[in-house]
PDB file of N, CA and C in Angstrom:
ATOM      1  N   MET A   1       0.541  -1.243   0.301  1.00  0.00           N
ATOM      2  CA  MET A   1      -0.096  -0.082   0.163  1.00  0.00           C
ATOM      3  C   MET A   1       0.889   1.041  -0.149  1.00  0.00           C
ATOM      4  N   SER A   2       0.790   2.196  -1.216  1.00  0.00           N
ATOM      5  CA  SER A   2       1.352   3.310  -1.044  1.00  0.00           C
ATOM      6  C   SER A   2       1.217   4.631   0.199  1.00  0.00           C
ATOM      7  N   ASP A   3       1.670   5.697   0.258  1.00  0.00           N
ATOM      8  CA  ASP A   3       1.595   6.505   1.032  1.00  0.00           C
ATOM      9  C   ASP A   3       0.217   7.274   1.100  1.00  0.00           C
ATOM     10  N   SER A   4       0.085   7.185  -0.233  1.00  0.00           N
ATOM     11  CA  SER A   4      -1.112   7.938  -1.148  1.00  0.00           C
ATOM     12  C   SER A   4      -2.777   7.323  -0.960  1.00  0.00           C
ATOM     13  N   ASP A   5      -2.763   6.020  -0.971  1.00  0.00           N
ATOM     14  CA  ASP A   5      -3.293   5.073  -0.669  1.00  0.00           C
ATOM     15  C   ASP A   5      -3.672   5.621   0.601  1.00  0.00           C
ATOM     16  N   SER A   6      -2.547   5.229   1.785  1.00  0.00           N
ATOM     17  CA  SER A   6      -2.802   5.555   3.327  1.00  0.00           C
ATOM     18  C   SER A   6      -3.505   7.021   2.767  1.00  0.00           C
ATOM     19  N   GLY A   7      -2.897   7.884   2.663  1.00  0.00           N
ATOM     20  CA  GLY A   7      -3.612   9.451   2.548  1.00  0.00           C
ATOM     21  C   GLY A   7      -4.965   9.539   2.298  1.00  0.00           C
ATOM     22  N   ASP A   8      -5.497   8.570   1.174  1.00  0.00           N
ATOM     23  CA  ASP A   8      -6.540   8.779   1.131  1.00  0.00           C
ATOM     24  C   ASP A   8      -7.600   8.157   2.175  1.00  0.00           C
ATOM     25  N   LYS A   9      -7.290   6.814   2.625  1.00  0.00           N
ATOM     26  CA  LYS A   9      -8.365   5.904   3.544  1.00  0.00           C
ATOM     27  C   LYS A   9      -8.434   7.198   4.722  1.00  0.00           C
ATOM     28  N   VAL A  10      -7.240   8.082   5.352  1.00  0.00           N
ATOM     29  CA  VAL A  10      -7.449   8.569   6.395  1.00  0.00           C
ATOM     30  C   VAL A  10      -8.272   9.693   5.909  1.00  0.00           C
ATOM     31  N   VAL A  11      -8.410  10.577   4.944  1.00  0.00           N
ATOM     32  CA  VAL A  11      -9.334  11.437   4.601  1.00  0.00           C
ATOM     33  C   VAL A  11     -10.544  10.992   4.578  1.00  0.00           C
ATOM     34  N   TRP A  12     -10.654   9.271   3.617  1.00  0.00           N
ATOM     35  CA  TRP A  12     -12.689   9.314   3.911  1.00  0.00           C
ATOM     36  C   TRP A  12     -12.622   8.708   5.407  1.00  0.00           C
ATOM     37  N   PHE A  13     -12.092   8.304   6.146  1.00  0.00           N
ATOM     38  CA  PHE A  13     -12.148   7.364   7.432  1.00  0.00           C
ATOM     39  C   PHE A  13     -12.836   9.157   8.027  1.00  0.00           C
ATOM     40  N   VAL A  14     -11.937  10.434   8.085  1.00  0.00           N
ATOM     41  CA  VAL A  14     -12.131  11.434   8.570  1.00  0.00           C
ATOM     42  C   VAL A  14     -13.772  11.785   8.642  1.00  0.00           C
ATOM     43  N   ALA A  15     -13.935  11.618   7.117  1.00  0.00           N
ATOM     44  CA  ALA A  15     -15.243  12.295   6.404  1.00  0.00           C
ATOM     45  C   ALA A  15     -16.405  11.530   6.563  1.00  0.00           C
ATOM     46  N   GLY A  16     -16.081  10.272   6.671  1.00  0.00           N
ATOM     47  CA  GLY A  16     -17.274   9.647   7.352  1.00  0.00           C
ATOM     48  C   GLY A  16     -17.264   9.482   8.704  1.00  0.00           C
ATOM     49  N   ILE A  17     -16.368  10.123   9.510  1.00  0.00           N
ATOM     50  CA  ILE A  17     -16.808  10.328  11.027  1.00  0.00           C
ATOM     51  C   ILE A  17     -17.657  11.823  11.005  1.00  0.00           C
ATOM     52  N   ALA A  18     -17.122  12.705  10.329  1.00  0.00           N
ATOM     53  CA  ALA A  18     -18.025  13.879  10.248  1.00  0.00           C
ATOM     54  C   ALA A  18     -18.816  13.436   9.772  1.00  0.00           C
ATOM     55  N   ILE A  19     -19.418  12.964   9.232  1.00  0.00           N
ATOM     56  CA  ILE A  19     -20.589  12.979   8.417  1.00  0.00           C
ATOM     57  C   ILE A  19     -21.719  11.749   8.942  1.00  0.00           C
ATOM     58  N   GLY A  20     -21.179  10.829   9.528  1.00  0.00           N
ATOM     59  CA  GLY A  20     -22.315  10.225  10.870  1.00  0.00           C
ATOM     60  C   GLY A  20     -22.226  11.315  11.896  1.00  0.00           C
ATOM     61  N   ALA A  21     -21.144  12.005  12.488  1.00  0.00           N
ATOM     62  CA  ALA A  21     -21.214  12.589  13.782  1.00  0.00           C
ATOM     63  C   ALA A  21     -22.509  13.320  13.268  1.00  0.00           C
ATOM     64  N   THR A  22     -22.539  14.377  12.648  1.00  0.00           N
ATOM     65  CA  THR A  22     -23.537  15.246  11.378  1.00  0.00           C
ATOM     66  C   THR A  22     -24.887  14.594  11.884  1.00  0.00           C
ATOM     67  N   ILE A  23     -24.908  13.372  11.458  1.00  0.00           N
ATOM     68  CA  ILE A  23     -26.585  12.630  11.057  1.00  0.00           C
ATOM     69  C   ILE A  23     -27.152  12.488  12.706  1.00  0.00           C
ATOM     70  N   ALA A  24     -26.026  11.660  13.443  1.00  0.00           N
ATOM     71  CA  ALA A  24     -26.584  11.419  14.762  1.00  0.00           C
ATOM     72  C   ALA A  24     -27.027  12.945  15.519  1.00  0.00           C
ATOM     73  N   LEU A  25     -26.094  13.364  15.179  1.00  0.00           N
ATOM     74  CA  LEU A  25     -26.547  15.064  16.398  1.00  0.00           C
ATOM     75  C   LEU A  25     -27.682  15.914  15.559  1.00  0.00           C
ATOM     76  N   LEU A  26     -28.370  15.552  14.032  1.00  0.00           N
ATOM     77  CA  LEU A  26     -29.548  16.156  13.647  1.00  0.00           C
ATOM     78  C   LEU A  26     -30.400  15.045  14.150  1.00  0.00           C
ATOM     79  N   TYR A  27     -30.133  14.064  14.374  1.00  0.00           N
ATOM     80  CA  TYR A  27     -31.697  13.204  14.915  1.00  0.00           C
ATOM     81  C   TYR A  27     -31.292  13.456  16.580  1.00  0.00           C
ATOM     82  N   ALA A  28     -30.476  13.861  17.508  1.00  0.00           N
ATOM     83  CA  ALA A  28     -30.020  13.923  19.108  1.00  0.00           C
ATOM     84  C   ALA A  28     -31.614  14.726  19.079  1.00  0.00           C
ATOM     85  N   PRO A  29     -31.923  14.740  20.221  1.00  0.00           N
ATOM     86  CA  PRO A  29     -32.896  15.530  20.836  1.00  0.00           C
ATOM     87  C   PRO A  29     -32.892  16.911  21.458  1.00  0.00           C
ATOM     88  N   ALA A  30     -32.277  17.690  20.837  1.00  0.00           N
ATOM     89  CA  ALA A  30     -31.500  18.850  21.551  1.00  0.00           C
ATOM     90  C   ALA A  30     -32.486  20.037  20.537  1.00  0.00           C
ATOM     91  N   SER A  31     -31.925  21.687  21.084  1.00  0.00           N
ATOM     92  CA  SER A  31     -32.481  22.549  20.173  1.00  0.00           C
ATOM     93  C   SER A  31     -31.733  22.687  18.936  1.00  0.00           C
ATOM     94  N   GLY A  32     -31.906  23.606  18.164  1.00  0.00           N
ATOM     95  CA  GLY A  32     -31.752  23.664  16.933  1.00  0.00           C
ATOM     96  C   GLY A  32     -29.969  24.807  17.402  1.00  0.00           C
ATOM     97  N   GLU A  33     -30.113  25.495  18.094  1.00  0.00           N
ATOM     98  CA  GLU A  33     -28.412  26.386  18.389  1.00  0.00           C
ATOM     99  C   GLU A  33     -28.203  25.278  19.123  1.00  0.00           C
ATOM    100  N   VAL A  34     -28.366  24.389  19.800  1.00  0.00           N
ATOM    101  CA  VAL A  34     -27.394  23.364  20.499  1.00  0.00           C
ATOM    102  C   VAL A  34     -26.728  22.750  19.630  1.00  0.00           C
ATOM    103  N   THR A  35     -27.570  22.403  18.965  1.00  0.00           N
ATOM    104  CA  THR A  35     -27.303  21.435  17.658  1.00  0.00           C
ATOM    105  C   THR A  35     -26.384  21.840  16.583  1.00  0.00           C
ATOM    106  N   ARG A  36     -26.876  22.990  16.162  1.00  0.00           N
ATOM    107  CA  ARG A  36     -25.843  23.681  15.458  1.00  0.00           C
ATOM    108  C   ARG A  36     -24.164  23.958  15.740  1.00  0.00           C
ATOM    109  N   ARG A  37     -23.834  24.293  17.217  1.00  0.00           N
ATOM    110  CA  ARG A  37     -22.737  24.780  18.048  1.00  0.00           C
ATOM    111  C   ARG A  37     -22.556  23.274  17.821  1.00  0.00           C
ATOM    112  N   LYS A  38     -22.691  21.975  18.490  1.00  0.00           N
ATOM    113  CA  LYS A  38     -22.435  20.943  18.268  1.00  0.00           C
ATOM    114  C   LYS A  38     -21.600  20.288  16.765  1.00  0.00           C
ATOM    115  N   ILE A  39     -22.480  20.512  15.622  1.00  0.00           N
ATOM    116  CA  ILE A  39     -21.979  20.650  13.914  1.00  0.00           C
ATOM    117  C   ILE A  39     -20.861  21.412  13.901  1.00  0.00           C
ATOM    118  N   ALA A  40     -20.658  22.599  14.681  1.00  0.00           N
ATOM    119  CA  ALA A  40     -19.509  23.823  14.113  1.00  0.00           C
ATOM    120  C   ALA A  40     -18.990  22.946  14.674  1.00  0.00           C
ATOM    121  N   LYS A  41     -18.266  22.292  15.887  1.00  0.00           N
ATOM    122  CA  LYS A  41     -16.988  22.142  17.168  1.00  0.00           C
ATOM    123  C   LYS A  41     -16.811  20.773  16.318  1.00  0.00           C
ATOM    124  N   LYS A  42     -17.765  19.750  15.957  1.00  0.00           N
ATOM    125  CA  LYS A  42     -17.322  18.988  15.015  1.00  0.00           C
ATOM    126  C   LYS A  42     -16.527  18.977  13.838  1.00  0.00           C
ATOM    127  N   THR A  43     -16.974  19.909  13.225  1.00  0.00           N
ATOM    128  CA  THR A  43     -16.304  20.052  11.771  1.00  0.00           C
ATOM    129  C   THR A  43     -15.244  20.521  12.079  1.00  0.00           C
ATOM    130  N   GLU A  44     -15.002  21.466  12.843  1.00  0.00           N
ATOM    131  CA  GLU A  44     -13.854  22.184  13.111  1.00  0.00           C
ATOM    132  C   GLU A  44     -13.111  20.802  13.910  1.00  0.00           C
ATOM    133  N   LYS A  45     -13.210  19.855  14.532  1.00  0.00           N
ATOM    134  CA  LYS A  45     -12.259  19.000  14.729  1.00  0.00           C
ATOM    135  C   LYS A  45     -11.834  18.237  13.940  1.00  0.00           C
ATOM    136  N   GLY A  46     -12.881  17.686  13.200  1.00  0.00           N
ATOM    137  CA  GLY A  46     -12.653  17.477  11.490  1.00  0.00           C
ATOM    138  C   GLY A  46     -11.876  18.243  10.581  1.00  0.00           C
ATOM    139  N   ARG A  47     -11.879  19.233  10.553  1.00  0.00           N
ATOM    140  CA  ARG A  47     -11.364  20.246   9.483  1.00  0.00           C
ATOM    141  C   ARG A  47      -9.348  20.062   9.879  1.00  0.00           C
ATOM    142  N   THR A  48      -9.341  20.620  11.484  1.00  0.00           N
ATOM    143  CA  THR A  48      -8.179  19.971  11.989  1.00  0.00           C
ATOM    144  C   THR A  48      -7.236  18.560  12.004  1.00  0.00           C
ATOM    145  N   ALA A  49      -8.330  17.746  11.905  1.00  0.00           N
ATOM    146  CA  ALA A  49      -7.469  16.403  11.623  1.00  0.00           C
ATOM    147  C   ALA A  49      -7.251  16.167  10.267  1.00  0.00           C
ATOM    148  N   ILE A  50      -8.140  16.488   9.320  1.00  0.00           N
ATOM    149  CA  ILE A  50      -7.970  16.125   7.663  1.00  0.00           C
ATOM    150  C   ILE A  50      -6.471  17.764   7.763  1.00  0.00           C
ATOM    151  N   ALA A  51      -5.979  18.326   8.428  1.00  0.00           N
ATOM    152  CA  ALA A  51      -5.248  19.443   8.226  1.00  0.00           C
ATOM    153  C   ALA A  51      -3.852  18.651   8.723  1.00  0.00           C
ATOM    154  N   ASP A  52      -3.976  18.307   9.687  1.00  0.00           N
ATOM    155  CA  ASP A  52      -2.734  17.703  10.256  1.00  0.00           C
ATOM    156  C   ASP A  52      -2.450  16.826   9.581  1.00  0.00           C
ATOM    157  N   SER A  53      -3.488  15.662   9.133  1.00  0.00           N
ATOM    158  CA  SER A  53      -2.898  14.127   7.916  1.00  0.00           C
ATOM    159  C   SER A  53      -2.326  14.976   6.974  1.00  0.00           C
ATOM    160  N   GLY A  54      -2.953  15.866   6.360  1.00  0.00           N
ATOM    161  CA  GLY A  54      -2.155  16.718   5.413  1.00  0.00           C
ATOM    162  C   GLY A  54      -0.642  16.997   5.458  1.00  0.00           C
ATOM    163  N   LYS A  55      -0.365  17.744   6.686  1.00  0.00           N
ATOM    164  CA  LYS A  55       0.689  18.247   7.073  1.00  0.00           C
ATOM    165  C   LYS A  55       1.906  16.737   7.091  1.00  0.00           C
ATOM    166  N   GLU A  56       1.366  16.011   7.773  1.00  0.00           N
ATOM    167  CA  GLU A  56       2.118  14.633   8.216  1.00  0.00           C
ATOM    168  C   GLU A  56       2.509  14.058   6.574  1.00  0.00           C
ATOM    169  N   MET A  57       1.612  14.007   5.896  1.00  0.00           N
ATOM    170  CA  MET A  57       1.952  13.539   4.473  1.00  0.00           C
ATOM    171  C   MET A  57       2.519  14.118   3.659  1.00  0.00           C
ATOM    172  N   TYR A  58       2.607  15.353   4.153  1.00  0.00           N
ATOM    173  CA  TYR A  58       3.698  16.654   3.216  1.00  0.00           C
ATOM    174  C   TYR A  58       4.667  16.038   3.838  1.00  0.00           C
ATOM    175  N   GLU A  59       5.165  16.170   4.901  1.00  0.00           N
ATOM    176  CA  GLU A  59       6.560  15.900   5.618  1.00  0.00           C
ATOM    177  C   GLU A  59       7.140  14.652   5.300  1.00  0.00           C
ATOM    178  N   ARG A  60       6.038  13.359   5.195  1.00  0.00           N
ATOM    179  CA  ARG A  60       6.433  12.196   4.562  1.00  0.00           C
ATOM    180  C   ARG A  60       6.952  12.025   3.458  1.00  0.00           C
ATOM    181  N   GLY A  61       6.501  13.166   2.500  1.00  0.00           N
ATOM    182  CA  GLY A  61       6.914  12.642   1.063  1.00  0.00           C
ATOM    183  C   GLY A  61       7.892  14.154   0.835  1.00  0.00           C
ATOM    184  N   LYS A  62       8.191  15.055   1.787  1.00  0.00           N
ATOM    185  CA  LYS A  62       9.189  15.476   1.773  1.00  0.00           C
ATOM    186  C   LYS A  62      10.548  14.506   1.966  1.00  0.00           C
ATOM    187  N   ASP A  63      10.839  14.107   2.924  1.00  0.00           N
ATOM    188  CA  ASP A  63      11.541  13.381   3.410  1.00  0.00           C
ATOM    189  C   ASP A  63      11.940  12.031   2.224  1.00  0.00           C
ATOM    190  N   MET A  64      10.560  11.470   1.847  1.00  0.00           N
ATOM    191  CA  MET A  64      10.821  10.682   0.519  1.00  0.00           C
ATOM    192  C   MET A  64      11.615  11.108  -0.547  1.00  0.00           C
ATOM    193  N   TYR A  65      11.013  12.622  -0.768  1.00  0.00           N
ATOM    194  CA  TYR A  65      12.368  13.532  -2.434  1.00  0.00           C
ATOM    195  C   TYR A  65      13.734  13.233  -1.636  1.00  0.00           C
ATOM    196  N   GLU A  66      14.009  14.160  -0.666  1.00  0.00           N
ATOM    197  CA  GLU A  66      15.099  14.190   0.150  1.00  0.00           C
ATOM    198  C   GLU A  66      15.921  12.870   0.043  1.00  0.00           C
ATOM    199  N   LYS A  67      15.560  11.529   0.274  1.00  0.00           N
ATOM    200  CA  LYS A  67      16.213  10.076   0.389  1.00  0.00           C
ATOM    201  C   LYS A  67      16.029  10.214  -1.023  1.00  0.00           C
ATOM    202  N   GLY A  68      14.943   9.931  -2.014  1.00  0.00           N
ATOM    203  CA  GLY A  68      15.338   9.779  -3.212  1.00  0.00           C
ATOM    204  C   GLY A  68      16.625  10.756  -4.262  1.00  0.00           C
ATOM    205  N   ARG A  69      16.155  11.999  -3.722  1.00  0.00           N
ATOM    206  CA  ARG A  69      17.188  13.183  -4.204  1.00  0.00           C
ATOM    207  C   ARG A  69      19.174  12.294  -4.129  1.00  0.00           C
ATOM    208  N   LYS A  70      19.107  12.246  -2.490  1.00  0.00           N
ATOM    209  CA  LYS A  70      20.625  11.797  -2.168  1.00  0.00           C
ATOM    210  C   LYS A  70      20.729  10.454  -2.984  1.00  0.00           C
ATOM    211  N   LEU A  71      19.973   9.721  -2.872  1.00  0.00           N
ATOM    212  CA  LEU A  71      20.256   8.479  -3.451  1.00  0.00           C
ATOM    213  C   LEU A  71      20.783   8.853  -5.317  1.00  0.00           C
ATOM    214  N   ALA A  72      19.893   9.377  -5.931  1.00  0.00           N
ATOM    215  CA  ALA A  72      20.156   9.986  -7.203  1.00  0.00           C
ATOM    216  C   ALA A  72      21.740  10.231  -7.428  1.00  0.00           C
ATOM    217  N   ASP A  73      21.842  11.452  -6.222  1.00  0.00           N
ATOM    218  CA  ASP A  73      23.759  12.100  -6.271  1.00  0.00           C
ATOM    219  C   ASP A  73      24.174  10.688  -5.943  1.00  0.00           C
ATOM    220  N   ASP A  74      23.981  10.219  -5.339  1.00  0.00           N
ATOM    221  CA  ASP A  74      25.164   9.153  -4.895  1.00  0.00           C
ATOM    222  C   ASP A  74      25.209   8.223  -6.518  1.00  0.00           C
ATOM    223  N   ALA A  75      23.982   7.681  -6.737  1.00  0.00           N
ATOM    224  CA  ALA A  75      23.970   6.708  -7.897  1.00  0.00           C
ATOM    225  C   ALA A  75      24.989   8.102  -9.292  1.00  0.00           C
ATOM    226  N   ALA A  76      24.982   9.077  -9.549  1.00  0.00           N
ATOM    227  CA  ALA A  76      25.617  10.278 -10.191  1.00  0.00           C
ATOM    228  C   ALA A  76      26.937   9.726 -10.185  1.00  0.00           C
ATOM    229  N   GLU A  77      27.502   9.988  -8.505  1.00  0.00           N
ATOM    230  CA  GLU A  77      28.881  10.164  -8.058  1.00  0.00           C
ATOM    231  C   GLU A  77      29.657   8.562  -8.391  1.00  0.00           C
ATOM    232  N   MET A  78      28.850   7.214  -8.482  1.00  0.00           N
ATOM    233  CA  MET A  78      29.705   5.886  -8.852  1.00  0.00           C
ATOM    234  C   MET A  78      29.691   5.794 -10.115  1.00  0.00           C
ATOM    235  N   PHE A  79      28.654   6.343 -11.035  1.00  0.00           N
ATOM    236  CA  PHE A  79      28.699   6.371 -12.494  1.00  0.00           C
ATOM    237  C   PHE A  79      29.968   7.294 -12.505  1.00  0.00           C
ATOM    238  N   GLU A  80      30.436   8.303 -12.247  1.00  0.00           N
ATOM    239  CA  GLU A  80      31.452   9.081 -12.466  1.00  0.00           C
ATOM    240  C   GLU A  80      32.538   8.456 -12.512  1.00  0.00           C
ATOM    241  N   ARG A  81      32.717   7.696 -11.050  1.00  0.00           N
ATOM    242  CA  ARG A  81      33.813   7.251 -10.522  1.00  0.00           C
ATOM    243  C   ARG A  81      33.835   5.948 -11.497  1.00  0.00           C
ATOM    244  N   GLY A  82      33.259   5.397 -11.810  1.00  0.00           N
ATOM    245  CA  GLY A  82      32.728   4.549 -12.819  1.00  0.00           C
ATOM    246  C   GLY A  82      33.772   4.643 -14.249  1.00  0.00           C
ATOM    247  N   ARG A  83      33.085   5.499 -14.584  1.00  0.00           N
ATOM    248  CA  ARG A  83      33.464   6.290 -15.849  1.00  0.00           C
ATOM    249  C   ARG A  83      35.183   6.317 -16.125  1.00  0.00           C
ATOM    250  N   LYS A  84      35.307   7.424 -14.870  1.00  0.00           N
ATOM    251  CA  LYS A  84      36.798   7.224 -14.952  1.00  0.00           C
ATOM    252  C   LYS A  84      37.963   6.341 -15.088  1.00  0.00           C
ATOM    253  N   ILE A  85      37.575   5.503 -14.254  1.00  0.00           N
ATOM    254  CA  ILE A  85      37.873   3.978 -13.773  1.00  0.00           C
ATOM    255  C   ILE A  85      38.356   3.750 -15.372  1.00  0.00           C
ATOM    256  N   VAL A  86      36.990   3.673 -15.460  1.00  0.00           N
ATOM    257  CA  VAL A  86      37.306   2.437 -17.556  1.00  0.00           C
ATOM    258  C   VAL A  86      38.100   3.886 -18.649  1.00  0.00           C
ATOM    259  N   GLU A  87      37.682   4.602 -17.952  1.00  0.00           N
ATOM    260  CA  GLU A  87      39.114   5.718 -19.080  1.00  0.00           C
ATOM    261  C   GLU A  87      40.023   5.551 -18.810  1.00  0.00           C
ATOM    262  N   SER A  88      40.918   5.509 -17.595  1.00  0.00           N
ATOM    263  CA  SER A  88      42.257   5.405 -17.254  1.00  0.00           C
ATOM    264  C   SER A  88      42.650   3.675 -17.633  1.00  0.00           C
ATOM    265  N   THR A  89      41.698   2.707 -17.369  1.00  0.00           N
ATOM    266  CA  THR A  89      42.411   1.657 -17.948  1.00  0.00           C
ATOM    267  C   THR A  89      42.420   1.490 -19.059  1.00  0.00           C
ATOM    268  N   ALA A  90      41.554   2.102 -20.291  1.00  0.00           N
ATOM    269  CA  ALA A  90      41.525   1.933 -21.614  1.00  0.00           C
ATOM    270  C   ALA A  90      43.154   3.095 -22.241  1.00  0.00           C
ATOM    271  N   ALA A  91      43.267   3.885 -21.135  1.00  0.00           N
ATOM    272  CA  ALA A  91      44.264   4.848 -21.619  1.00  0.00           C
ATOM    273  C   ALA A  91      45.635   3.908 -21.236  1.00  0.00           C
ATOM    274  N   ASN A  92      45.486   3.362 -20.434  1.00  0.00           N
ATOM    275  CA  ASN A  92      46.851   2.498 -19.870  1.00  0.00           C
ATOM    276  C   ASN A  92      46.997   1.193 -20.922  1.00  0.00           C
ATOM    277  N   LEU A  93      45.887   0.753 -21.277  1.00  0.00           N
ATOM    278  CA  LEU A  93      45.776  -1.032 -21.629  1.00  0.00           C
ATOM    279  C   LEU A  93      45.945  -0.072 -23.881  1.00  0.00           C
ATOM    280  N   LYS A  94      46.241   0.959 -24.403  1.00  0.00           N
ATOM    281  CA  LYS A  94      46.733   1.532 -25.232  1.00  0.00           C
ATOM    282  C   LYS A  94      47.917   2.351 -25.103  1.00  0.00           C
ATOM    283  N   GLY A  95      48.537   2.853 -23.750  1.00  0.00           N
ATOM    284  CA  GLY A  95      49.872   3.351 -24.096  1.00  0.00           C
ATOM    285  C   GLY A  95      50.725   2.341 -23.244  1.00  0.00           C
TER     286      GLY A  95
END
């Protein structure tokens, strides 16, 4: 499972919680004002959870990018060293 799949599942899970909570509040025996306040609080909690999840996914993506970049730099350096070895070996064989 990729990080993207995990992130999508987290978002849908949080959205499901928010929808379920909203439906439960709508059927709860409370006044309209109290219900609206509860919905607003739950919505804010959901928004915060999604924002936190997004920040975490961004940080993980940034870390993965940096690791990939380092691997690419290391591979390029190894390639260059190998090329120099081949060139020097070829020059030694000719001379």
